[in-house]
Each structure stands twice: as C-alpha cells, then as structure tokens.
Amino acid sequence: MGIKTPEIYTKAFDSQSFPPHGFNRGHYVDTELDKLLVKEDWPAVTARIHGQLPYIPLWYEGQFAAMRKNITNYSPKPDGNWDDLATISNYAH
C-alpha cells in the first residue's frame, strides 16, 4: 500500500488499534511506541518500528520512472504512487 502520511502507524501499531478499531491485526504492543504515537514524533516512531520489525513484508512493489521531455503537470512521488497521472499534459513543440 502506498503510505502517504505517517498517521497510518497509529492505526497499524498502536496498542489500542486492534480490529475493529484499527489495523493492528498482529496485536503488537509496545508502550514506548504508544507514547511516541501520541506525541506524533514520526521520525522516532519510524525508527522504533524499523528497529523492532514487528512485521516482515512478504513482497515489495518495484518502483520505476519513465521520462519524456514534453510531459507537464507530473512529478514522481517518493512512495511510488501514480495519482498525478490523472493530471498530466502532453504538449507538442
């Protein structure tokens, strides 16, 4: 899934976010992480999650970029989403 905002971490990892109140299906509990989530300290949240690896992804989506000089209104996104494809323009020289 393309994660665009860090708030997804609260739904996925907060100790109170077990389904149906969130996405913490693994019932992951970390009181220190809960405190960081409340403070919205996203760099510290990310570092703690990456350090503990509560989930190990089974796949990843490959990322690529295609370039063409006469395309406007598009810029590649760090998370790989293609939402801007709906707004691109192609002009002739």
PDB file of N, CA and C in Angstrom:
ATOM      1  N   MET A   1       0.846  -1.165   0.000  1.00  0.00           N
ATOM      2  CA  MET A   1       0.000   0.000   0.000  1.00  0.00           C
ATOM      3  C   MET A   1       0.889   1.223   0.000  1.00  0.00           C
ATOM      4  N   GLY A   2       0.464   2.245  -0.653  1.00  0.00           N
ATOM      5  CA  GLY A   2       1.217   3.487  -0.669  1.00  0.00           C
ATOM      6  C   GLY A   2       0.910   4.287   0.579  1.00  0.00           C
ATOM      7  N   ILE A   3       1.879   4.448   1.413  1.00  0.00           N
ATOM      8  CA  ILE A   3       1.682   5.216   2.638  1.00  0.00           C
ATOM      9  C   ILE A   3       2.073   6.647   2.348  1.00  0.00           C
ATOM     10  N   LYS A   4       1.106   7.539   2.415  1.00  0.00           N
ATOM     11  CA  LYS A   4       1.359   8.941   2.107  1.00  0.00           C
ATOM     12  C   LYS A   4       1.556   9.773   3.362  1.00  0.00           C
ATOM     13  N   THR A   5       0.966   9.350   4.471  1.00  0.00           N
ATOM     14  CA  THR A   5       1.085  10.118   5.709  1.00  0.00           C
ATOM     15  C   THR A   5       1.442   9.175   6.849  1.00  0.00           C
ATOM     16  N   PRO A   6       2.185   9.656   7.826  1.00  0.00           N
ATOM     17  CA  PRO A   6       2.635   8.784   8.903  1.00  0.00           C
ATOM     18  C   PRO A   6       1.544   8.370   9.879  1.00  0.00           C
ATOM     19  N   GLU A   7       0.379   8.988   9.812  1.00  0.00           N
ATOM     20  CA  GLU A   7      -0.694   8.635  10.743  1.00  0.00           C
ATOM     21  C   GLU A   7      -1.115   7.175  10.618  1.00  0.00           C
ATOM     22  N   ILE A   8      -0.787   6.528   9.517  1.00  0.00           N
ATOM     23  CA  ILE A   8      -1.114   5.110   9.343  1.00  0.00           C
ATOM     24  C   ILE A   8      -0.463   4.273  10.435  1.00  0.00           C
ATOM     25  N   TYR A   9       0.664   4.740  10.972  1.00  0.00           N
ATOM     26  CA  TYR A   9       1.347   3.989  12.029  1.00  0.00           C
ATOM     27  C   TYR A   9       0.472   3.841  13.276  1.00  0.00           C
ATOM     28  N   THR A  10      -0.341   4.850  13.575  1.00  0.00           N
ATOM     29  CA  THR A  10      -1.227   4.755  14.736  1.00  0.00           C
ATOM     30  C   THR A  10      -2.250   3.645  14.521  1.00  0.00           C
ATOM     31  N   LYS A  11      -2.851   3.599  13.353  1.00  0.00           N
ATOM     32  CA  LYS A  11      -3.844   2.563  13.057  1.00  0.00           C
ATOM     33  C   LYS A  11      -3.220   1.168  13.017  1.00  0.00           C
ATOM     34  N   ALA A  12      -1.976   1.073  12.559  1.00  0.00           N
ATOM     35  CA  ALA A  12      -1.351  -0.238  12.368  1.00  0.00           C
ATOM     36  C   ALA A  12      -0.599  -0.757  13.582  1.00  0.00           C
ATOM     37  N   PHE A  13      -0.098   0.139  14.466  1.00  0.00           N
ATOM     38  CA  PHE A  13       0.789  -0.314  15.539  1.00  0.00           C
ATOM     39  C   PHE A  13       0.390   0.104  16.950  1.00  0.00           C
ATOM     40  N   ASP A  14      -0.567   1.007  17.102  1.00  0.00           N
ATOM     41  CA  ASP A  14      -0.969   1.425  18.443  1.00  0.00           C
ATOM     42  C   ASP A  14      -1.589   0.246  19.204  1.00  0.00           C
ATOM     43  N   SER A  15      -1.285   0.145  20.484  1.00  0.00           N
ATOM     44  CA  SER A  15      -1.770  -0.970  21.302  1.00  0.00           C
ATOM     45  C   SER A  15      -3.288  -0.991  21.436  1.00  0.00           C
ATOM     46  N   GLN A  16      -3.952   0.121  21.156  1.00  0.00           N
ATOM     47  CA  GLN A  16      -5.412   0.182  21.231  1.00  0.00           C
ATOM     48  C   GLN A  16      -6.076   0.032  19.863  1.00  0.00           C
ATOM     49  N   SER A  17      -5.290  -0.271  18.849  1.00  0.00           N
ATOM     50  CA  SER A  17      -5.827  -0.309  17.485  1.00  0.00           C
ATOM     51  C   SER A  17      -6.052  -1.723  16.957  1.00  0.00           C
ATOM     52  N   PHE A  18      -6.442  -2.625  17.841  1.00  0.00           N
ATOM     53  CA  PHE A  18      -6.791  -3.966  17.377  1.00  0.00           C
ATOM     54  C   PHE A  18      -8.113  -3.890  16.614  1.00  0.00           C
ATOM     55  N   PRO A  19      -8.294  -4.709  15.597  1.00  0.00           N
ATOM     56  CA  PRO A  19      -9.574  -4.699  14.878  1.00  0.00           C
ATOM     57  C   PRO A  19     -10.737  -4.948  15.842  1.00  0.00           C
ATOM     58  N   PRO A  20     -11.830  -4.291  15.679  1.00  0.00           N
ATOM     59  CA  PRO A  20     -12.243  -3.453  14.549  1.00  0.00           C
ATOM     60  C   PRO A  20     -11.896  -1.977  14.706  1.00  0.00           C
ATOM     61  N   HIS A  21     -11.074  -1.607  15.689  1.00  0.00           N
ATOM     62  CA  HIS A  21     -10.741  -0.203  15.949  1.00  0.00           C
ATOM     63  C   HIS A  21      -9.476   0.254  15.239  1.00  0.00           C
ATOM     64  N   GLY A  22      -8.886  -0.603  14.468  1.00  0.00           N
ATOM     65  CA  GLY A  22      -7.670  -0.263  13.741  1.00  0.00           C
ATOM     66  C   GLY A  22      -7.186  -1.460  12.946  1.00  0.00           C
ATOM     67  N   PHE A  23      -5.927  -1.411  12.518  1.00  0.00           N
ATOM     68  CA  PHE A  23      -5.367  -2.443  11.644  1.00  0.00           C
ATOM     69  C   PHE A  23      -4.307  -3.290  12.326  1.00  0.00           C
ATOM     70  N   ASN A  24      -4.168  -3.189  13.641  1.00  0.00           N
ATOM     71  CA  ASN A  24      -3.132  -3.919  14.373  1.00  0.00           C
ATOM     72  C   ASN A  24      -3.566  -5.379  14.544  1.00  0.00           C
ATOM     73  N   ARG A  25      -3.569  -6.105  13.436  1.00  0.00           N
ATOM     74  CA  ARG A  25      -4.045  -7.492  13.413  1.00  0.00           C
ATOM     75  C   ARG A  25      -3.127  -8.447  14.161  1.00  0.00           C
ATOM     76  N   GLY A  26      -1.857  -8.087  14.280  1.00  0.00           N
ATOM     77  CA  GLY A  26      -0.905  -8.932  14.988  1.00  0.00           C
ATOM     78  C   GLY A  26      -0.907  -8.701  16.491  1.00  0.00           C
ATOM     79  N   HIS A  27      -1.749  -7.781  16.955  1.00  0.00           N
ATOM     80  CA  HIS A  27      -1.851  -7.428  18.376  1.00  0.00           C
ATOM     81  C   HIS A  27      -0.489  -7.038  18.949  1.00  0.00           C
ATOM     82  N   TYR A  28       0.250  -6.296  18.155  1.00  0.00           N
ATOM     83  CA  TYR A  28       1.553  -5.768  18.558  1.00  0.00           C
ATOM     84  C   TYR A  28       1.361  -4.753  19.679  1.00  0.00           C
ATOM     85  N   VAL A  29       2.115  -4.888  20.765  1.00  0.00           N
ATOM     86  CA  VAL A  29       2.014  -3.985  21.913  1.00  0.00           C
ATOM     87  C   VAL A  29       3.405  -3.484  22.277  1.00  0.00           C
ATOM     88  N   ASP A  30       3.557  -2.164  22.316  1.00  0.00           N
ATOM     89  CA  ASP A  30       4.804  -1.523  22.724  1.00  0.00           C
ATOM     90  C   ASP A  30       4.432  -0.193  23.373  1.00  0.00           C
ATOM     91  N   THR A  31       4.500  -0.114  24.682  1.00  0.00           N
ATOM     92  CA  THR A  31       4.071   1.099  25.387  1.00  0.00           C
ATOM     93  C   THR A  31       4.940   2.303  25.031  1.00  0.00           C
ATOM     94  N   GLU A  32       6.225   2.085  24.769  1.00  0.00           N
ATOM     95  CA  GLU A  32       7.096   3.200  24.365  1.00  0.00           C
ATOM     96  C   GLU A  32       6.658   3.744  23.006  1.00  0.00           C
ATOM     97  N   LEU A  33       6.327   2.851  22.085  1.00  0.00           N
ATOM     98  CA  LEU A  33       5.839   3.283  20.775  1.00  0.00           C
ATOM     99  C   LEU A  33       4.512   4.026  20.925  1.00  0.00           C
ATOM    100  N   ASP A  34       3.637   3.548  21.798  1.00  0.00           N
ATOM    101  CA  ASP A  34       2.366   4.236  22.027  1.00  0.00           C
ATOM    102  C   ASP A  34       2.597   5.683  22.444  1.00  0.00           C
ATOM    103  N   LYS A  35       3.571   5.920  23.303  1.00  0.00           N
ATOM    104  CA  LYS A  35       3.881   7.288  23.753  1.00  0.00           C
ATOM    105  C   LYS A  35       4.361   8.151  22.587  1.00  0.00           C
ATOM    106  N   LEU A  36       5.195   7.575  21.729  1.00  0.00           N
ATOM    107  CA  LEU A  36       5.691   8.321  20.566  1.00  0.00           C
ATOM    108  C   LEU A  36       4.558   8.628  19.593  1.00  0.00           C
ATOM    109  N   LEU A  37       3.629   7.695  19.442  1.00  0.00           N
ATOM    110  CA  LEU A  37       2.480   7.915  18.562  1.00  0.00           C
ATOM    111  C   LEU A  37       1.610   9.063  19.073  1.00  0.00           C
ATOM    112  N   VAL A  38       1.406   9.134  20.374  1.00  0.00           N
ATOM    113  CA  VAL A  38       0.610  10.225  20.960  1.00  0.00           C
ATOM    114  C   VAL A  38       1.288  11.564  20.705  1.00  0.00           C
ATOM    115  N   LYS A  39       2.616  11.608  20.810  1.00  0.00           N
ATOM    116  CA  LYS A  39       3.367  12.851  20.576  1.00  0.00           C
ATOM    117  C   LYS A  39       3.496  13.175  19.093  1.00  0.00           C
ATOM    118  N   GLU A  40       3.122  12.217  18.235  1.00  0.00           N
ATOM    119  CA  GLU A  40       3.266  12.361  16.785  1.00  0.00           C
ATOM    120  C   GLU A  40       4.706  12.668  16.393  1.00  0.00           C
ATOM    121  N   ASP A  41       5.636  12.008  17.071  1.00  0.00           N
ATOM    122  CA  ASP A  41       7.065  12.132  16.759  1.00  0.00           C
ATOM    123  C   ASP A  41       7.381  11.100  15.677  1.00  0.00           C
ATOM    124  N   TRP A  42       7.017  11.445  14.434  1.00  0.00           N
ATOM    125  CA  TRP A  42       7.070  10.480  13.338  1.00  0.00           C
ATOM    126  C   TRP A  42       8.473   9.946  13.052  1.00  0.00           C
ATOM    127  N   PRO A  43       9.528  10.756  13.110  1.00  0.00           N
ATOM    128  CA  PRO A  43      10.865  10.168  12.909  1.00  0.00           C
ATOM    129  C   PRO A  43      11.204   9.120  13.977  1.00  0.00           C
ATOM    130  N   ALA A  44      10.861   9.403  15.235  1.00  0.00           N
ATOM    131  CA  ALA A  44      11.135   8.434  16.303  1.00  0.00           C
ATOM    132  C   ALA A  44      10.243   7.203  16.169  1.00  0.00           C
ATOM    133  N   VAL A  45       8.995   7.399  15.770  1.00  0.00           N
ATOM    134  CA  VAL A  45       8.078   6.277  15.544  1.00  0.00           C
ATOM    135  C   VAL A  45       8.643   5.358  14.464  1.00  0.00           C
ATOM    136  N   THR A  46       9.044   5.953  13.354  1.00  0.00           N
ATOM    137  CA  THR A  46       9.588   5.166  12.251  1.00  0.00           C
ATOM    138  C   THR A  46      10.844   4.414  12.673  1.00  0.00           C
ATOM    139  N   ALA A  47      11.735   5.082  13.384  1.00  0.00           N
ATOM    140  CA  ALA A  47      12.976   4.435  13.837  1.00  0.00           C
ATOM    141  C   ALA A  47      12.667   3.262  14.772  1.00  0.00           C
ATOM    142  N   ARG A  48      11.699   3.445  15.682  1.00  0.00           N
ATOM    143  CA  ARG A  48      11.363   2.366  16.623  1.00  0.00           C
ATOM    144  C   ARG A  48      10.759   1.169  15.880  1.00  0.00           C
ATOM    145  N   ILE A  49       9.858   1.431  14.964  1.00  0.00           N
ATOM    146  CA  ILE A  49       9.244   0.348  14.195  1.00  0.00           C
ATOM    147  C   ILE A  49      10.289  -0.370  13.355  1.00  0.00           C
ATOM    148  N   HIS A  50      11.149   0.378  12.698  1.00  0.00           N
ATOM    149  CA  HIS A  50      12.186  -0.251  11.871  1.00  0.00           C
ATOM    150  C   HIS A  50      13.171  -1.048  12.719  1.00  0.00           C
ATOM    151  N   GLY A  51      13.429  -0.585  13.936  1.00  0.00           N
ATOM    152  CA  GLY A  51      14.345  -1.297  14.819  1.00  0.00           C
ATOM    153  C   GLY A  51      13.778  -2.589  15.364  1.00  0.00           C
ATOM    154  N   GLN A  52      12.456  -2.635  15.527  1.00  0.00           N
ATOM    155  CA  GLN A  52      11.833  -3.826  16.102  1.00  0.00           C
ATOM    156  C   GLN A  52      11.291  -4.798  15.064  1.00  0.00           C
ATOM    157  N   LEU A  53      11.016  -4.325  13.874  1.00  0.00           N
ATOM    158  CA  LEU A  53      10.470  -5.144  12.791  1.00  0.00           C
ATOM    159  C   LEU A  53       9.290  -6.004  13.233  1.00  0.00           C
ATOM    160  N   PRO A  54       8.194  -5.360  13.668  1.00  0.00           N
ATOM    161  CA  PRO A  54       7.035  -6.153  14.082  1.00  0.00           C
ATOM    162  C   PRO A  54       6.396  -6.925  12.932  1.00  0.00           C
ATOM    163  N   TYR A  55       6.613  -6.462  11.726  1.00  0.00           N
ATOM    164  CA  TYR A  55       6.134  -7.163  10.531  1.00  0.00           C
ATOM    165  C   TYR A  55       7.294  -7.282   9.563  1.00  0.00           C
ATOM    166  N   ILE A  56       7.313  -8.352   8.823  1.00  0.00           N
ATOM    167  CA  ILE A  56       8.290  -8.519   7.752  1.00  0.00           C
ATOM    168  C   ILE A  56       7.496  -8.647   6.462  1.00  0.00           C
ATOM    169  N   PRO A  57       7.634  -7.680   5.549  1.00  0.00           N
ATOM    170  CA  PRO A  57       6.860  -7.742   4.310  1.00  0.00           C
ATOM    171  C   PRO A  57       7.231  -8.976   3.492  1.00  0.00           C
ATOM    172  N   LEU A  58       6.242  -9.561   2.863  1.00  0.00           N
ATOM    173  CA  LEU A  58       6.465 -10.738   2.026  1.00  0.00           C
ATOM    174  C   LEU A  58       6.755 -10.364   0.582  1.00  0.00           C
ATOM    175  N   TRP A  59       6.523  -9.122   0.222  1.00  0.00           N
ATOM    176  CA  TRP A  59       6.816  -8.645  -1.115  1.00  0.00           C
ATOM    177  C   TRP A  59       6.979  -7.134  -1.075  1.00  0.00           C
ATOM    178  N   TYR A  60       7.468  -6.596  -2.142  1.00  0.00           N
ATOM    179  CA  TYR A  60       7.519  -5.148  -2.287  1.00  0.00           C
ATOM    180  C   TYR A  60       7.169  -4.829  -3.721  1.00  0.00           C
ATOM    181  N   GLU A  61       6.682  -3.634  -3.914  1.00  0.00           N
ATOM    182  CA  GLU A  61       6.350  -3.186  -5.258  1.00  0.00           C
ATOM    183  C   GLU A  61       7.557  -2.484  -5.837  1.00  0.00           C
ATOM    184  N   GLY A  62       7.997  -2.932  -6.987  1.00  0.00           N
ATOM    185  CA  GLY A  62       9.114  -2.270  -7.654  1.00  0.00           C
ATOM    186  C   GLY A  62       8.726  -0.865  -8.076  1.00  0.00           C
ATOM    187  N   GLN A  63       9.668   0.015  -8.058  1.00  0.00           N
ATOM    188  CA  GLN A  63       9.437   1.399  -8.443  1.00  0.00           C
ATOM    189  C   GLN A  63      10.210   1.698  -9.724  1.00  0.00           C
ATOM    190  N   PHE A  64       9.643   2.523 -10.556  1.00  0.00           N
ATOM    191  CA  PHE A  64      10.343   2.945 -11.763  1.00  0.00           C
ATOM    192  C   PHE A  64       9.862   4.326 -12.150  1.00  0.00           C
ATOM    193  N   ALA A  65      10.621   4.966 -12.983  1.00  0.00           N
ATOM    194  CA  ALA A  65      10.232   6.270 -13.506  1.00  0.00           C
ATOM    195  C   ALA A  65      10.472   6.274 -15.002  1.00  0.00           C
ATOM    196  N   ALA A  66       9.536   6.808 -15.744  1.00  0.00           N
ATOM    197  CA  ALA A  66       9.672   6.968 -17.190  1.00  0.00           C
ATOM    198  C   ALA A  66       9.716   8.466 -17.469  1.00  0.00           C
ATOM    199  N   MET A  67      10.587   8.879 -18.355  1.00  0.00           N
ATOM    200  CA  MET A  67      10.758  10.305 -18.618  1.00  0.00           C
ATOM    201  C   MET A  67      10.435  10.621 -20.075  1.00  0.00           C
ATOM    202  N   ARG A  68       9.874  11.789 -20.250  1.00  0.00           N
ATOM    203  CA  ARG A  68       9.627  12.323 -21.582  1.00  0.00           C
ATOM    204  C   ARG A  68       9.612  13.832 -21.452  1.00  0.00           C
ATOM    205  N   LYS A  69      10.330  14.527 -22.284  1.00  0.00           N
ATOM    206  CA  LYS A  69      10.506  15.975 -22.144  1.00  0.00           C
ATOM    207  C   LYS A  69       9.214  16.773 -22.279  1.00  0.00           C
ATOM    208  N   ASN A  70       8.254  16.306 -23.057  1.00  0.00           N
ATOM    209  CA  ASN A  70       7.070  17.122 -23.309  1.00  0.00           C
ATOM    210  C   ASN A  70       5.885  16.780 -22.394  1.00  0.00           C
ATOM    211  N   ILE A  71       6.120  16.126 -21.276  1.00  0.00           N
ATOM    212  CA  ILE A  71       5.081  15.853 -20.279  1.00  0.00           C
ATOM    213  C   ILE A  71       5.137  16.951 -19.215  1.00  0.00           C
ATOM    214  N   THR A  72       3.989  17.500 -18.870  1.00  0.00           N
ATOM    215  CA  THR A  72       3.930  18.505 -17.815  1.00  0.00           C
ATOM    216  C   THR A  72       2.887  18.085 -16.769  1.00  0.00           C
ATOM    217  N   ASN A  73       2.903  18.759 -15.640  1.00  0.00           N
ATOM    218  CA  ASN A  73       1.966  18.516 -14.535  1.00  0.00           C
ATOM    219  C   ASN A  73       2.136  17.128 -13.918  1.00  0.00           C
ATOM    220  N   TYR A  74       3.361  16.640 -13.885  1.00  0.00           N
ATOM    221  CA  TYR A  74       3.627  15.341 -13.246  1.00  0.00           C
ATOM    222  C   TYR A  74       5.000  15.375 -12.591  1.00  0.00           C
ATOM    223  N   SER A  75       5.081  14.805 -11.402  1.00  0.00           N
ATOM    224  CA  SER A  75       6.386  14.596 -10.769  1.00  0.00           C
ATOM    225  C   SER A  75       6.341  13.271 -10.019  1.00  0.00           C
ATOM    226  N   PRO A  76       7.398  12.458 -10.149  1.00  0.00           N
ATOM    227  CA  PRO A  76       7.431  11.172  -9.443  1.00  0.00           C
ATOM    228  C   PRO A  76       7.339  11.381  -7.932  1.00  0.00           C
ATOM    229  N   LYS A  77       6.669  10.487  -7.252  1.00  0.00           N
ATOM    230  CA  LYS A  77       6.478  10.579  -5.808  1.00  0.00           C
ATOM    231  C   LYS A  77       7.375   9.578  -5.081  1.00  0.00           C
ATOM    232  N   PRO A  78       7.867   9.944  -3.895  1.00  0.00           N
ATOM    233  CA  PRO A  78       8.758   9.054  -3.144  1.00  0.00           C
ATOM    234  C   PRO A  78       8.120   7.708  -2.785  1.00  0.00           C
ATOM    235  N   ASP A  79       6.786   7.692  -2.588  1.00  0.00           N
ATOM    236  CA  ASP A  79       6.137   6.430  -2.233  1.00  0.00           C
ATOM    237  C   ASP A  79       5.699   5.632  -3.454  1.00  0.00           C
ATOM    238  N   GLY A  80       5.981   6.144  -4.647  1.00  0.00           N
ATOM    239  CA  GLY A  80       5.700   5.411  -5.873  1.00  0.00           C
ATOM    240  C   GLY A  80       4.274   5.518  -6.370  1.00  0.00           C
ATOM    241  N   ASN A  81       3.422   6.323  -5.725  1.00  0.00           N
ATOM    242  CA  ASN A  81       2.032   6.376  -6.214  1.00  0.00           C
ATOM    243  C   ASN A  81       1.970   7.139  -7.531  1.00  0.00           C
ATOM    244  N   TRP A  82       0.961   6.845  -8.277  1.00  0.00           N
ATOM    245  CA  TRP A  82       0.808   7.413  -9.615  1.00  0.00           C
ATOM    246  C   TRP A  82      -0.393   8.334  -9.718  1.00  0.00           C
ATOM    247  N   ASP A  83      -0.824   8.917  -8.616  1.00  0.00           N
ATOM    248  CA  ASP A  83      -2.012   9.767  -8.631  1.00  0.00           C
ATOM    249  C   ASP A  83      -1.910  10.901  -9.643  1.00  0.00           C
ATOM    250  N   ASP A  84      -0.719  11.445  -9.837  1.00  0.00           N
ATOM    251  CA  ASP A  84      -0.562  12.575 -10.757  1.00  0.00           C
ATOM    252  C   ASP A  84      -0.782  12.197 -12.223  1.00  0.00           C
ATOM    253  N   LEU A  85      -0.855  10.920 -12.549  1.00  0.00           N
ATOM    254  CA  LEU A  85      -1.105  10.547 -13.939  1.00  0.00           C
ATOM    255  C   LEU A  85      -2.442  11.109 -14.425  1.00  0.00           C
ATOM    256  N   ALA A  86      -3.353  11.349 -13.505  1.00  0.00           N
ATOM    257  CA  ALA A  86      -4.651  11.910 -13.874  1.00  0.00           C
ATOM    258  C   ALA A  86      -4.546  13.372 -14.293  1.00  0.00           C
ATOM    259  N   THR A  87      -3.430  14.032 -13.987  1.00  0.00           N
ATOM    260  CA  THR A  87      -3.321  15.470 -14.267  1.00  0.00           C
ATOM    261  C   THR A  87      -2.242  15.808 -15.290  1.00  0.00           C
ATOM    262  N   ILE A  88      -1.598  14.805 -15.886  1.00  0.00           N
ATOM    263  CA  ILE A  88      -0.508  15.126 -16.816  1.00  0.00           C
ATOM    264  C   ILE A  88      -1.021  15.764 -18.092  1.00  0.00           C
ATOM    265  N   SER A  89      -0.142  16.492 -18.725  1.00  0.00           N
ATOM    266  CA  SER A  89      -0.427  17.108 -20.026  1.00  0.00           C
ATOM    267  C   SER A  89       0.714  16.757 -20.961  1.00  0.00           C
ATOM    268  N   ASN A  90       0.417  16.686 -22.225  1.00  0.00           N
ATOM    269  CA  ASN A  90       1.403  16.410 -23.257  1.00  0.00           C
ATOM    270  C   ASN A  90       1.287  17.533 -24.280  1.00  0.00           C
ATOM    271  N   TYR A  91       2.340  18.290 -24.440  1.00  0.00           N
ATOM    272  CA  TYR A  91       2.280  19.381 -25.388  1.00  0.00           C
ATOM    273  C   TYR A  91       3.237  19.103 -26.542  1.00  0.00           C
ATOM    274  N   ALA A  92       2.886  19.598 -27.706  1.00  0.00           N
ATOM    275  CA  ALA A  92       3.716  19.444 -28.906  1.00  0.00           C
ATOM    276  C   ALA A  92       4.593  20.676 -29.064  1.00  0.00           C
ATOM    277  N   HIS A  93       5.819  20.451 -29.529  1.00  0.00           N
ATOM    278  CA  HIS A  93       6.734  21.589 -29.745  1.00  0.00           C
ATOM    279  C   HIS A  93       6.416  22.294 -31.021  1.00  0.00           C
TER     280      HIS A  93
END
